[in-house]
Amino acid sequence: MLSCDICGETVTSELDMKAHLLIVHMENEVICPFCKLSGVSYDEMCFHIETAHFEQNALERNFERMDTTQYGTSDNKDNTLQRTMEVNLSGHSACASNHPKSPSQSLPKDGTSDHEDFYSKNLTESRKFQKNGKDPGLSEVQGSIYETMFSLPECPFCGKIEKRSEDMETHVKTKHAGLLDTPLEDCARPLYDCPLCGLICTNYHILQEHVDLHLEESNFQQDMNRVQCSKDLELAHQLQQEEDMKRRSEESRQEVEEFRKLQRQYGLDNSGGYKQQQLRNMEIEVNKGRMHPSEFHRRKADLMESLAIGIDDGKTRTSGIIEALHRHYQNASTDVRRVWLSAAVDHFHSSLGDKGWGCGYRNFQMLLSSLLQSDAYDDCLKGMSVPCIPKIQSMIDEAWKEGFDPQGASQLNNRLQGTKAWIGACEIYTLLTSLRVKCCIVDFHKSTGPSGTHPRLFEWILSYYSSEKEGNPKVVCTSKPPIYLQHQGHSRTVVGIEEKKNRTLCLLIFDPGCPTREMQKLLKQDIEISSLKQLRKCVGNLKHKQYQIVAVEGVLSPEEKIARREASQVFTAEKIP
């Protein structure tokens, strides 16, 4: 007798114990081997089989008769029937389900199913009983019951049907060994590692397909990357184009603004010229109470008369300063070793009509006033007077029309009259040359001394004034005209040069920005030192990046004038250094 370790129930044989464990403790459910009825007790299932499956149960009845004949007792018949029923039920419970199972579930590692293994062991036990002479009739009945009640084994991979489970096991292990968890073929067969992900494959062709999938995925990703890169480049190009358009638009706007600013600064904004500015400023003076209305009308009449005849009205003119300076240096100025003065020259300062832009015209008036007092220039300037600013503008316009300096003319729109345009050394040279006055332009285009100074400029001016054989007096009144001096934003007139006892040089300069009342202080008998300070400019006082001078050298013949006009097509100047 054997006792169940789980529930304590006793059975007579080892086979019964296996059936008991399978039915009671593994399946926990009794299923009809003929119609799949379930959910009933063991006794109910026996009654169901006896009543509903009478014909199918004929084998069991034959078995009862065989058992009765062989053993002759009803008790044995009942026990045998019970064991047969248990075998049938337990066997069917293990294989009754018709649902397909995966290979790992259908076959253990040796290639056989669970129920085949179980009944294979039962048949083995039966054979042992027959060999030992124990219960041969029961073993034969059990084998016949198994073969009758259960279908033949079918291969779970290819569907082939074998008569015996051993044949099926052999078939699976030989034909489908590669699909089993542990193939029975040589376990040392080569393994193949995927070079991309490390997956181990037992078949080279499977590995190749696996790697091809990797490559296809990689190619797809590369294509996606190329598409994305193309989109990114297109977007970047579009953004760059928008940025360039915005930058060009901003640069264009700034250029227009700068050009308009320069036009306003240089008087090319069509806001009127000398006449309009003079009248407008006089009206402002009247509105502020600084000018009486009667004075306004009187000065307006003088302005109209001056513009009509083209001659300066002289209201900003101061004469006799050179003579006063000669007296002063003769009688005082103990710190000066020698001084050279230009020929007589009048000072002109800016008025309400040209304030802020007329310095070039006023310096030309100073230079011309000196030339008109010299007999050497009577041939080319005979009958002239110092012109007013609008007249000077018209004279430059006429010189441009003759062909002088076409590049400079185009920069100023070929027209000065009626504007507030600035003029510089090139326009002064053009105007003097058109009047047959011989002159030159010297360009001191960079500093020649420490701290941005221009000592070469002072040396050149000293050489210009001291070139005449004048002996060795302290004060030298030369016949040389004054020098036009231009730098960025302003121009002045050089009327002499001092040499100090320590050998340093100072220029004597007339500034159009200095008002008449200050210049008239130089006409006094005893000139104050403070009044001279506004004339003196030492080397340390001139530190602009570039200076240009226009120096008069004599009179041109008509042929020389034509030659210089042709040469002005490409304007050049002497450069120092």
Protein backbone atom coordinates (compact mmCIF):
# COMPACT_ATOMS: atom_id res chain seq x y z
CA MET A 1 0.00 0.00 0.00
CA LEU A 2 1.18 3.51 -0.90
CA SER A 3 0.12 6.68 0.96
CA CYS A 4 -0.16 10.17 -0.74
CA ASP A 5 2.24 12.62 0.87
CA ILE A 6 -0.17 15.48 0.13
CA CYS A 7 -3.60 14.30 1.22
CA GLY A 8 -2.81 10.98 2.94
CA GLU A 9 -4.99 8.81 0.65
CA THR A 10 -3.77 5.23 0.19
CA VAL A 11 -3.59 3.39 -3.12
CA THR A 12 -2.56 -0.18 -3.97
CA SER A 13 0.09 0.44 -6.65
CA GLU A 14 2.60 2.94 -7.90
CA LEU A 15 0.60 3.40 -11.10
CA ASP A 16 -2.50 4.28 -9.10
CA MET A 17 -0.49 6.79 -7.10
CA LYS A 18 0.63 8.53 -10.30
CA ALA A 19 -2.95 8.67 -11.55
CA HIS A 20 -4.06 10.00 -8.16
CA LEU A 21 -1.45 12.77 -8.15
CA LEU A 22 -2.33 13.75 -11.71
CA ILE A 23 -6.10 13.85 -11.16
CA VAL A 24 -6.38 15.19 -7.62
CA HIS A 25 -3.35 17.37 -7.20
CA MET A 26 -2.32 18.45 -10.72
CA GLU A 27 -5.41 18.81 -12.90
CA ASN A 28 -7.97 19.36 -10.14
CA GLU A 29 -10.67 18.80 -12.74
CA VAL A 30 -12.36 15.59 -14.05
CA ILE A 31 -13.12 15.71 -17.80
CA CYS A 32 -15.17 13.20 -19.78
CA PRO A 33 -12.93 11.35 -22.23
CA PHE A 34 -15.72 11.24 -24.85
CA CYS A 35 -17.59 14.58 -24.79
CA LYS A 36 -15.30 16.80 -22.72
CA LEU A 37 -17.83 17.27 -19.92
CA SER A 38 -16.20 18.81 -16.83
CA GLY A 39 -17.04 20.48 -13.54
CA VAL A 40 -18.57 17.37 -11.91
CA SER A 41 -17.42 15.01 -9.21
CA TYR A 42 -15.72 11.71 -9.81
CA ASP A 43 -18.86 9.63 -9.05
CA GLU A 44 -21.01 11.84 -11.26
CA MET A 45 -18.52 11.48 -14.12
CA CYS A 46 -18.67 7.68 -13.74
CA PHE A 47 -22.45 7.76 -13.91
CA HIS A 48 -22.26 10.08 -16.94
CA ILE A 49 -19.99 7.71 -18.84
CA GLU A 50 -22.16 4.65 -17.98
CA THR A 51 -25.34 6.33 -19.19
CA ALA A 52 -24.33 8.76 -21.96
CA HIS A 53 -21.53 6.76 -23.55
CA PHE A 54 -22.82 3.16 -23.25
CA GLU A 55 -21.41 2.05 -26.58
CA GLN A 56 -18.04 3.73 -26.05
CA ASN A 57 -17.89 2.02 -22.69
CA ALA A 58 -18.34 -1.51 -24.18
CA LEU A 59 -14.67 -2.08 -23.82
CA GLU A 60 -14.92 -1.49 -20.10
CA ARG A 61 -17.77 -4.04 -19.93
CA ASN A 62 -15.69 -6.59 -21.78
CA PHE A 63 -12.96 -5.91 -19.35
CA GLU A 64 -15.36 -6.65 -16.49
CA ARG A 65 -16.18 -10.01 -18.01
CA MET A 66 -12.54 -10.86 -18.54
CA ASP A 67 -11.80 -9.91 -14.99
CA THR A 68 -14.73 -11.94 -13.68
CA THR A 69 -13.64 -14.96 -15.68
CA GLN A 70 -10.07 -14.69 -14.58
CA TYR A 71 -10.54 -13.79 -10.93
CA GLY A 72 -14.14 -14.86 -10.30
CA THR A 73 -15.05 -12.18 -7.71
CA SER A 74 -17.13 -9.07 -8.04
CA ASP A 75 -14.91 -7.20 -5.64
CA ASN A 76 -11.98 -7.60 -7.94
CA LYS A 77 -14.20 -6.52 -10.80
CA ASP A 78 -15.13 -3.34 -8.99
CA ASN A 79 -11.53 -2.56 -8.09
CA THR A 80 -10.36 -3.22 -11.60
CA LEU A 81 -13.15 -1.08 -13.11
CA GLN A 82 -12.23 1.69 -10.74
CA ARG A 83 -8.55 1.47 -11.72
CA THR A 84 -9.46 1.42 -15.40
CA MET A 85 -11.65 4.47 -14.95
CA GLU A 86 -8.89 6.24 -13.10
CA VAL A 87 -6.45 5.45 -15.87
CA ASN A 88 -8.88 6.60 -18.57
CA LEU A 89 -9.75 9.80 -16.73
CA SER A 90 -6.18 10.60 -15.76
CA GLY A 91 -4.92 9.92 -19.28
CA HIS A 92 -7.64 12.03 -20.84
CA SER A 93 -7.14 14.81 -18.38
CA ALA A 94 -3.56 15.10 -19.53
CA CYS A 95 -4.32 15.21 -23.24
CA ALA A 96 -7.99 16.15 -23.54
CA SER A 97 -7.39 19.76 -24.50
CA ASN A 98 -7.52 20.28 -28.26
CA HIS A 99 -5.94 23.73 -28.19
CA PRO A 100 -2.56 23.94 -29.95
CA LYS A 101 0.49 24.29 -27.78
CA SER A 102 3.87 25.79 -28.53
CA PRO A 103 6.76 23.42 -29.07
CA SER A 104 8.23 24.25 -25.69
CA GLN A 105 4.92 23.41 -24.05
CA SER A 106 4.10 20.31 -26.15
CA LEU A 107 7.49 18.63 -25.90
CA PRO A 108 9.93 18.34 -23.11
CA LYS A 109 13.61 18.60 -23.82
CA ASP A 110 13.78 15.05 -25.08
CA GLY A 111 11.11 15.76 -27.75
CA THR A 112 8.08 13.90 -26.15
CA SER A 113 4.81 15.26 -24.77
CA ASP A 114 3.81 15.01 -21.12
CA HIS A 115 0.99 12.49 -21.63
CA GLU A 116 3.13 10.40 -23.96
CA ASP A 117 5.83 10.26 -21.35
CA PHE A 118 3.33 9.32 -18.69
CA TYR A 119 1.70 6.49 -20.64
CA SER A 120 5.03 5.34 -21.97
CA LYS A 121 6.06 4.79 -18.38
CA ASN A 122 2.73 3.00 -17.70
CA LEU A 123 3.31 0.67 -20.60
CA THR A 124 6.81 0.03 -19.33
CA GLU A 125 5.38 -0.86 -15.95
CA SER A 126 2.86 -3.21 -17.59
CA ARG A 127 5.63 -4.98 -19.43
CA LYS A 128 7.48 -5.40 -16.15
CA PHE A 129 4.34 -6.94 -14.64
CA GLN A 130 4.06 -9.36 -17.55
CA LYS A 131 7.73 -10.34 -17.35
CA ASN A 132 7.52 -10.91 -13.62
CA GLY A 133 4.26 -12.85 -13.98
CA LYS A 134 2.27 -10.29 -12.07
CA ASP A 135 -1.18 -9.31 -13.35
CA PRO A 136 -0.59 -9.90 -17.11
CA GLY A 137 -4.22 -9.64 -17.93
CA LEU A 138 -4.51 -6.20 -16.41
CA SER A 139 -1.45 -4.90 -18.34
CA GLU A 140 -2.80 -6.16 -21.65
CA VAL A 141 -6.16 -4.54 -20.97
CA GLN A 142 -4.52 -1.25 -20.04
CA GLY A 143 -2.48 -1.23 -23.27
CA SER A 144 -5.56 -1.90 -25.35
CA ILE A 145 -7.51 0.79 -23.53
CA TYR A 146 -4.71 3.34 -24.21
CA GLU A 147 -4.52 2.50 -27.90
CA THR A 148 -8.30 2.60 -28.29
CA MET A 149 -9.20 5.72 -26.34
CA PHE A 150 -6.37 8.05 -27.43
CA SER A 151 -5.48 9.28 -30.92
CA LEU A 152 -2.17 8.44 -32.46
CA PRO A 153 0.69 10.84 -31.67
CA GLU A 154 1.06 13.73 -34.14
CA CYS A 155 4.25 15.73 -34.78
CA PRO A 156 3.74 19.28 -33.45
CA PHE A 157 6.04 20.69 -36.14
CA CYS A 158 5.14 18.99 -39.42
CA GLY A 159 1.90 17.14 -38.49
CA LYS A 160 3.22 13.65 -39.23
CA ILE A 161 1.41 10.84 -37.33
CA GLU A 162 3.25 7.88 -35.85
CA LYS A 163 1.76 4.73 -34.33
CA ARG A 164 3.98 4.72 -31.30
CA SER A 165 5.27 7.47 -29.09
CA GLU A 166 8.78 6.08 -29.38
CA ASP A 167 8.61 6.50 -33.15
CA MET A 168 7.31 10.05 -32.72
CA GLU A 169 10.10 10.81 -30.28
CA THR A 170 12.66 9.53 -32.76
CA HIS A 171 11.04 11.53 -35.57
CA VAL A 172 11.11 14.81 -33.63
CA LYS A 173 14.66 14.34 -32.45
CA THR A 174 15.96 13.53 -35.93
CA LYS A 175 13.85 15.78 -38.20
CA HIS A 176 13.34 18.78 -35.92
CA ALA A 177 16.38 18.72 -33.70
CA GLY A 178 17.27 22.29 -34.66
CA LEU A 179 14.02 23.55 -33.12
CA LEU A 180 14.50 21.85 -29.76
CA ASP A 181 16.00 23.66 -26.81
CA THR A 182 18.89 21.22 -26.71
CA PRO A 183 19.58 19.63 -30.11
CA LEU A 184 20.75 16.06 -30.02
CA GLU A 185 23.26 16.75 -32.73
CA ASP A 186 26.74 17.80 -31.89
CA CYS A 187 26.44 20.32 -29.07
CA ALA A 188 29.75 21.79 -30.09
CA ARG A 189 28.36 23.10 -33.39
CA PRO A 190 29.66 26.64 -34.20
CA LEU A 191 27.79 29.70 -32.88
CA TYR A 192 27.61 32.98 -34.74
CA ASP A 193 27.63 36.37 -32.97
CA CYS A 194 25.91 39.36 -34.54
CA PRO A 195 28.60 42.04 -35.00
CA LEU A 196 26.04 44.79 -34.41
CA CYS A 197 24.03 43.72 -31.37
CA GLY A 198 25.82 40.62 -30.04
CA LEU A 199 22.91 38.19 -30.61
CA ILE A 200 24.08 34.54 -30.80
CA CYS A 201 22.73 32.50 -33.72
CA THR A 202 23.22 28.78 -34.39
CA ASN A 203 22.65 29.08 -38.11
CA TYR A 204 24.70 31.18 -40.48
CA HIS A 205 21.74 31.95 -42.77
CA ILE A 206 19.64 33.14 -39.84
CA LEU A 207 22.53 35.37 -38.79
CA GLN A 208 22.74 36.76 -42.33
CA GLU A 209 19.03 37.58 -42.35
CA HIS A 210 19.37 39.13 -38.92
CA VAL A 211 22.30 41.31 -40.04
CA ASP A 212 20.39 42.28 -43.19
CA LEU A 213 17.61 43.59 -40.95
CA HIS A 214 20.18 45.67 -39.11
CA LEU A 215 21.50 47.04 -42.39
CA GLU A 216 18.03 47.81 -43.69
CA GLU A 217 17.26 49.64 -40.46
CA SER A 218 20.58 51.47 -40.70
CA ASN A 219 19.92 52.45 -44.32
CA PHE A 220 16.46 53.61 -43.39
CA GLN A 221 17.87 55.65 -40.54
CA GLN A 222 20.51 57.11 -42.85
CA ASP A 223 17.83 58.04 -45.36
CA MET A 224 15.81 59.65 -42.59
CA ASN A 225 18.91 61.48 -41.41
CA ARG A 226 19.62 62.68 -44.94
CA VAL A 227 16.05 63.89 -45.32
CA GLN A 228 16.22 65.63 -41.93
CA CYS A 229 19.63 67.08 -42.77
CA SER A 230 18.29 68.35 -46.08
CA LYS A 231 15.36 69.95 -44.29
CA ASP A 232 17.70 71.47 -41.72
CA LEU A 233 19.96 72.85 -44.44
CA GLU A 234 16.98 74.26 -46.30
CA LEU A 235 15.70 75.88 -43.12
CA ALA A 236 19.16 77.23 -42.29
CA HIS A 237 19.49 78.60 -45.84
CA GLN A 238 16.09 80.23 -45.57
CA LEU A 239 16.92 81.75 -42.19
CA GLN A 240 20.27 82.97 -43.55
CA GLN A 241 18.55 84.57 -46.53
CA GLU A 242 16.08 86.29 -44.25
CA GLU A 243 18.93 87.45 -42.02
CA ASP A 244 20.89 88.74 -45.05
CA MET A 245 17.84 90.56 -46.37
CA LYS A 246 17.24 92.13 -42.97
CA ARG A 247 20.91 93.09 -42.68
CA ARG A 248 21.00 94.56 -46.19
CA SER A 249 17.80 96.45 -45.50
CA GLU A 250 19.25 97.82 -42.28
CA GLU A 251 22.53 98.72 -43.98
CA SER A 252 20.63 100.41 -46.79
CA ARG A 253 18.55 102.35 -44.29
CA GLN A 254 21.67 103.40 -42.41
CA GLU A 255 23.39 104.43 -45.62
CA VAL A 256 20.41 106.54 -46.62
CA GLU A 257 20.32 108.10 -43.16
CA GLU A 258 24.06 108.76 -43.20
CA PHE A 259 23.80 110.23 -46.68
CA ARG A 260 20.99 112.50 -45.62
CA LYS A 261 22.96 113.47 -42.53
CA LEU A 262 25.96 114.29 -44.70
CA GLN A 263 23.73 116.22 -47.06
CA ARG A 264 22.42 118.27 -44.16
CA GLN A 265 25.93 118.68 -42.78
CA TYR A 266 27.44 119.75 -46.08
CA GLY A 267 24.46 121.81 -47.16
CA LEU A 268 23.16 119.54 -49.94
CA ASP A 269 19.68 118.96 -48.52
CA ASN A 270 17.97 121.66 -50.64
CA SER A 271 17.19 123.70 -47.54
CA GLY A 272 18.30 126.94 -49.17
CA GLY A 273 21.56 128.87 -49.31
CA TYR A 274 23.16 132.01 -47.97
CA LYS A 275 20.21 134.31 -48.63
CA GLN A 276 17.54 132.07 -47.04
CA GLN A 277 19.67 131.40 -43.96
CA GLN A 278 20.50 135.11 -43.50
CA LEU A 279 16.85 136.16 -43.64
CA ARG A 280 15.71 133.32 -41.40
CA ASN A 281 18.32 134.08 -38.72
CA MET A 282 17.52 137.81 -38.80
CA GLU A 283 13.86 136.96 -38.22
CA ILE A 284 14.86 134.85 -35.23
CA GLU A 285 16.88 137.77 -33.86
CA VAL A 286 13.83 140.04 -34.21
CA ASN A 287 11.58 137.49 -32.48
CA LYS A 288 14.03 137.23 -29.58
CA GLY A 289 14.19 140.99 -29.26
CA ARG A 290 17.87 141.25 -30.13
CA MET A 291 17.21 143.16 -33.38
CA HIS A 292 14.83 146.02 -34.01
CA PRO A 293 12.45 145.56 -36.92
CA SER A 294 13.81 148.70 -38.59
CA GLU A 295 17.33 147.23 -38.38
CA PHE A 296 15.98 144.03 -39.93
CA HIS A 297 14.60 145.87 -42.96
CA ARG A 298 17.76 147.96 -43.37
CA ARG A 299 20.04 144.91 -43.29
CA LYS A 300 17.70 143.05 -45.61
CA ALA A 301 17.98 145.86 -48.15
CA ASP A 302 21.79 145.81 -47.88
CA LEU A 303 21.74 142.03 -48.38
CA MET A 304 19.69 142.29 -51.53
CA GLU A 305 21.99 144.96 -52.90
CA SER A 306 25.09 142.91 -52.13
CA LEU A 307 23.62 139.83 -53.80
CA ALA A 308 22.61 141.87 -56.82
CA ILE A 309 26.11 143.25 -57.48
CA GLY A 310 27.91 140.13 -56.22
CA ILE A 311 30.22 142.02 -53.85
CA ASP A 312 30.63 141.35 -50.13
CA ASP A 313 29.03 144.03 -47.97
CA GLY A 314 32.10 144.18 -45.72
CA LYS A 315 30.12 143.93 -42.46
CA THR A 316 32.35 141.06 -41.25
CA ARG A 317 35.61 142.49 -42.56
CA THR A 318 38.57 143.67 -40.42
CA SER A 319 41.57 145.33 -42.15
CA GLY A 320 45.02 146.47 -40.98
CA ILE A 321 45.83 143.54 -38.68
CA ILE A 322 49.12 142.66 -40.43
CA GLU A 323 50.40 146.20 -39.97
CA ALA A 324 49.42 146.15 -36.29
CA LEU A 325 51.26 142.85 -35.81
CA HIS A 326 54.38 144.36 -37.44
CA ARG A 327 54.39 147.20 -34.94
CA HIS A 328 53.86 144.85 -32.03
CA TYR A 329 56.77 142.55 -32.91
CA GLN A 330 59.03 145.53 -33.47
CA ASN A 331 58.35 147.05 -30.06
CA ALA A 332 57.55 144.04 -27.82
CA SER A 333 57.37 140.27 -27.80
CA THR A 334 60.68 139.61 -26.11
CA ASP A 335 60.26 135.79 -26.33
CA VAL A 336 60.23 135.83 -30.17
CA ARG A 337 63.53 135.49 -31.99
CA ARG A 338 62.16 136.12 -35.50
CA VAL A 339 58.76 136.41 -37.18
CA TRP A 340 57.66 136.28 -40.83
CA LEU A 341 54.42 137.94 -41.89
CA SER A 342 52.47 137.54 -45.13
CA ALA A 343 51.42 140.34 -47.39
CA ALA A 344 48.56 142.51 -46.18
CA VAL A 345 45.33 140.57 -45.71
CA ASP A 346 41.86 141.33 -44.37
CA HIS A 347 40.01 139.10 -41.90
CA PHE A 348 36.49 137.92 -42.74
CA HIS A 349 34.34 136.08 -40.21
CA SER A 350 31.14 134.12 -40.68
CA SER A 351 27.79 135.91 -40.58
CA LEU A 352 24.23 134.82 -39.91
CA GLY A 353 23.97 133.73 -43.55
CA ASP A 354 26.87 131.26 -43.60
CA LYS A 355 27.34 130.28 -39.96
CA GLY A 356 28.24 126.58 -39.70
CA TRP A 357 29.32 126.03 -43.31
CA GLY A 358 30.93 129.19 -44.80
CA CYS A 359 34.52 128.92 -43.48
CA GLY A 360 35.95 127.85 -46.89
CA TYR A 361 34.34 130.83 -48.62
CA ARG A 362 35.54 133.24 -45.91
CA ASN A 363 39.13 131.95 -46.20
CA PHE A 364 38.97 132.46 -49.96
CA GLN A 365 37.86 136.04 -49.31
CA MET A 366 40.91 136.55 -47.04
CA LEU A 367 43.26 135.09 -49.64
CA LEU A 368 41.72 137.09 -52.46
CA SER A 369 41.83 140.32 -50.40
CA SER A 370 45.62 139.88 -50.15
CA LEU A 371 45.99 139.15 -53.89
CA LEU A 372 43.92 142.21 -54.80
CA GLN A 373 46.36 144.42 -52.82
CA SER A 374 49.35 143.07 -54.76
CA ASP A 375 50.31 144.55 -58.11
CA ALA A 376 51.69 141.15 -59.22
CA TYR A 377 48.16 139.84 -59.75
CA ASP A 378 46.61 142.80 -61.50
CA ASP A 379 46.83 141.01 -64.84
CA CYS A 380 44.49 138.18 -63.82
CA LEU A 381 42.39 139.94 -61.14
CA LYS A 382 42.12 143.38 -62.56
CA GLY A 383 38.82 145.07 -61.74
CA MET A 384 37.74 142.49 -59.22
CA SER A 385 36.43 143.08 -55.73
CA VAL A 386 35.99 140.63 -52.89
CA PRO A 387 32.84 138.75 -53.93
CA CYS A 388 30.02 137.72 -51.63
CA ILE A 389 29.49 134.05 -50.86
CA PRO A 390 26.73 133.43 -53.45
CA LYS A 391 29.01 135.03 -56.07
CA ILE A 392 31.90 132.75 -55.05
CA GLN A 393 29.57 129.77 -55.48
CA SER A 394 28.63 130.85 -58.98
CA MET A 395 32.33 131.37 -59.87
CA ILE A 396 33.10 127.76 -58.82
CA ASP A 397 30.12 126.53 -60.86
CA GLU A 398 31.54 128.31 -63.91
CA ALA A 399 34.96 126.72 -63.35
CA TRP A 400 33.34 123.29 -63.25
CA LYS A 401 31.56 124.03 -66.49
CA GLU A 402 34.93 124.89 -68.06
CA GLY A 403 36.07 121.35 -67.19
CA PHE A 404 37.99 121.80 -63.96
CA ASP A 405 37.85 118.93 -61.42
CA PRO A 406 34.93 116.90 -62.83
CA GLN A 407 35.14 114.39 -59.97
CA GLY A 408 34.73 117.06 -57.30
CA ALA A 409 31.90 118.62 -59.28
CA SER A 410 29.99 115.34 -59.44
CA GLN A 411 30.36 114.86 -55.67
CA LEU A 412 28.66 118.22 -55.11
CA ASN A 413 25.97 117.62 -57.77
CA ASN A 414 27.68 120.09 -60.19
CA ARG A 415 26.06 123.01 -58.44
CA LEU A 416 26.94 125.16 -55.44
CA GLN A 417 24.88 128.31 -55.90
CA GLY A 418 21.78 128.35 -53.74
CA THR A 419 23.13 125.63 -51.40
CA LYS A 420 24.99 125.47 -48.09
CA ALA A 421 27.56 123.03 -49.42
CA TRP A 422 31.02 123.05 -47.87
CA ILE A 423 34.09 123.65 -49.99
CA GLY A 424 37.69 122.61 -49.36
CA ALA A 425 41.20 122.78 -50.77
CA CYS A 426 40.21 121.28 -54.15
CA GLU A 427 37.49 123.89 -54.76
CA ILE A 428 39.87 126.72 -53.72
CA TYR A 429 42.52 125.38 -56.12
CA THR A 430 39.92 125.08 -58.92
CA LEU A 431 38.68 128.64 -58.41
CA LEU A 432 42.16 130.20 -58.24
CA THR A 433 43.33 128.25 -61.30
CA SER A 434 40.27 129.36 -63.27
CA LEU A 435 41.31 132.93 -62.39
CA ARG A 436 44.86 132.15 -63.68
CA VAL A 437 46.36 132.31 -60.22
CA LYS A 438 49.17 129.77 -59.93
CA CYS A 439 48.91 127.65 -56.80
CA CYS A 440 49.61 124.16 -55.47
CA ILE A 441 48.09 121.69 -53.04
CA VAL A 442 50.31 119.98 -50.49
CA ASP A 443 48.86 117.06 -48.56
CA PHE A 444 50.27 116.27 -45.11
CA HIS A 445 48.37 112.99 -45.03
CA LYS A 446 49.82 111.63 -41.76
CA SER A 447 51.56 112.88 -38.68
CA THR A 448 55.32 113.29 -38.76
CA GLY A 449 55.96 113.87 -35.07
CA PRO A 450 55.17 112.42 -31.66
CA SER A 451 51.59 112.40 -30.30
CA GLY A 452 50.07 112.93 -33.76
CA THR A 453 51.80 116.23 -34.44
CA HIS A 454 52.88 117.62 -37.84
CA PRO A 455 56.30 119.32 -37.50
CA ARG A 456 56.88 118.89 -41.25
CA LEU A 457 53.90 121.19 -41.87
CA PHE A 458 55.55 123.96 -39.79
CA GLU A 459 58.88 123.45 -41.55
CA TRP A 460 57.22 123.73 -44.97
CA ILE A 461 55.43 126.98 -44.06
CA LEU A 462 58.66 128.43 -42.61
CA SER A 463 60.46 127.57 -45.85
CA TYR A 464 57.63 129.19 -47.84
CA TYR A 465 57.83 132.53 -46.01
CA SER A 466 61.62 132.65 -45.53
CA SER A 467 62.50 131.95 -49.15
CA GLU A 468 62.87 135.66 -49.98
CA LYS A 469 66.22 137.39 -49.47
CA GLU A 470 65.24 139.69 -46.65
CA GLY A 471 68.42 139.97 -44.66
CA ASN A 472 68.27 139.21 -40.96
CA PRO A 473 65.66 141.50 -39.37
CA LYS A 474 63.54 140.42 -36.40
CA VAL A 475 60.25 141.09 -38.24
CA VAL A 476 60.06 140.15 -41.91
CA CYS A 477 57.10 141.47 -43.91
CA THR A 478 57.11 139.25 -47.02
CA SER A 479 55.25 139.67 -50.29
CA LYS A 480 53.91 136.15 -50.03
CA PRO A 481 50.12 135.78 -49.91
CA PRO A 482 48.56 133.96 -46.94
CA ILE A 483 48.16 130.16 -47.05
CA TYR A 484 44.84 128.34 -47.10
CA LEU A 485 44.91 125.59 -44.38
CA GLN A 486 42.31 122.80 -44.46
CA HIS A 487 41.63 119.95 -42.02
CA GLN A 488 38.62 117.77 -41.27
CA GLY A 489 35.56 119.93 -40.66
CA HIS A 490 37.19 123.36 -40.76
CA SER A 491 39.60 125.62 -42.62
CA ARG A 492 41.70 128.64 -41.62
CA THR A 493 44.25 131.08 -43.11
CA VAL A 494 47.96 131.17 -42.16
CA VAL A 495 49.27 134.76 -42.19
CA GLY A 496 52.74 134.22 -40.65
CA ILE A 497 55.06 132.14 -38.50
CA GLU A 498 57.05 132.83 -35.33
CA GLU A 499 60.38 131.37 -34.31
CA LYS A 500 60.84 131.40 -30.55
CA LYS A 501 64.19 131.89 -28.87
CA ASN A 502 64.12 128.17 -27.99
CA ARG A 503 63.79 127.45 -31.77
CA THR A 504 60.17 126.25 -31.55
CA LEU A 505 57.72 127.41 -34.21
CA CYS A 506 54.22 128.92 -33.93
CA LEU A 507 51.85 129.65 -36.79
CA LEU A 508 49.88 132.90 -36.94
CA ILE A 509 46.36 131.99 -38.11
CA PHE A 510 43.20 133.91 -38.99
CA ASP A 511 40.11 131.91 -38.06
CA PRO A 512 36.78 132.75 -39.78
CA GLY A 513 35.06 131.64 -36.58
CA CYS A 514 36.63 134.50 -34.59
CA PRO A 515 34.17 137.45 -34.48
CA THR A 516 35.04 140.97 -35.60
CA ARG A 517 35.07 142.44 -32.08
CA GLU A 518 37.86 140.05 -31.06
CA MET A 519 39.92 140.72 -34.16
CA GLN A 520 39.63 144.49 -33.70
CA LYS A 521 41.45 144.15 -30.36
CA LEU A 522 44.58 143.46 -32.41
CA LEU A 523 44.36 146.95 -33.90
CA LYS A 524 45.14 148.62 -30.58
CA GLN A 525 48.45 150.35 -30.01
CA ASP A 526 49.40 147.89 -27.27
CA ILE A 527 48.22 144.42 -28.19
CA GLU A 528 47.43 142.27 -25.20
CA ILE A 529 49.02 138.84 -24.92
CA SER A 530 45.57 137.25 -24.55
CA SER A 531 44.57 138.68 -27.93
CA LEU A 532 47.62 137.14 -29.58
CA LYS A 533 46.76 133.69 -28.15
CA GLN A 534 43.87 133.35 -30.54
CA LEU A 535 46.32 133.73 -33.45
CA ARG A 536 49.18 131.54 -32.21
CA LYS A 537 49.10 127.81 -32.94
CA CYS A 538 52.17 125.82 -31.89
CA VAL A 539 53.08 122.29 -32.97
CA GLY A 540 51.13 120.74 -30.08
CA ASN A 541 47.96 122.61 -31.09
CA LEU A 542 47.58 121.02 -34.55
CA LYS A 543 46.91 117.30 -34.10
CA HIS A 544 44.34 116.50 -36.75
CA LYS A 545 45.00 113.33 -38.72
CA GLN A 546 45.51 115.16 -42.03
CA TYR A 547 46.16 118.69 -43.24
CA GLN A 548 46.06 120.22 -46.73
CA ILE A 549 47.35 123.60 -47.74
CA VAL A 550 46.82 125.74 -50.87
CA ALA A 551 49.78 128.06 -51.46
CA VAL A 552 49.83 130.78 -54.16
CA GLU A 553 52.98 130.83 -56.32
CA GLY A 554 52.32 133.45 -59.00
CA VAL A 555 50.32 133.94 -62.21
CA LEU A 556 49.48 131.41 -64.92
CA SER A 557 49.62 132.05 -68.63
CA PRO A 558 46.53 131.06 -70.67
CA GLU A 559 48.37 127.97 -71.91
CA GLU A 560 49.35 126.94 -68.40
CA LYS A 561 45.73 127.38 -67.31
CA ILE A 562 44.56 125.00 -70.04
CA ALA A 563 47.24 122.47 -69.09
CA ARG A 564 46.21 122.56 -65.44
CA ARG A 565 42.58 122.21 -66.41
CA GLU A 566 43.42 119.02 -68.28
CA ALA A 567 45.53 117.79 -65.40
CA SER A 568 42.62 118.30 -62.97
CA GLN A 569 40.70 115.48 -64.70
CA VAL A 570 42.57 113.24 -62.27
CA PHE A 571 43.26 115.42 -59.30
CA THR A 572 46.63 114.88 -57.61
CA ALA A 573 48.49 116.67 -54.85
CA GLU A 574 52.00 116.69 -53.48
CA LYS A 575 52.22 114.41 -50.44
CA ILE A 576 54.44 114.94 -47.43
CA PRO A 577 55.88 112.72 -46.24
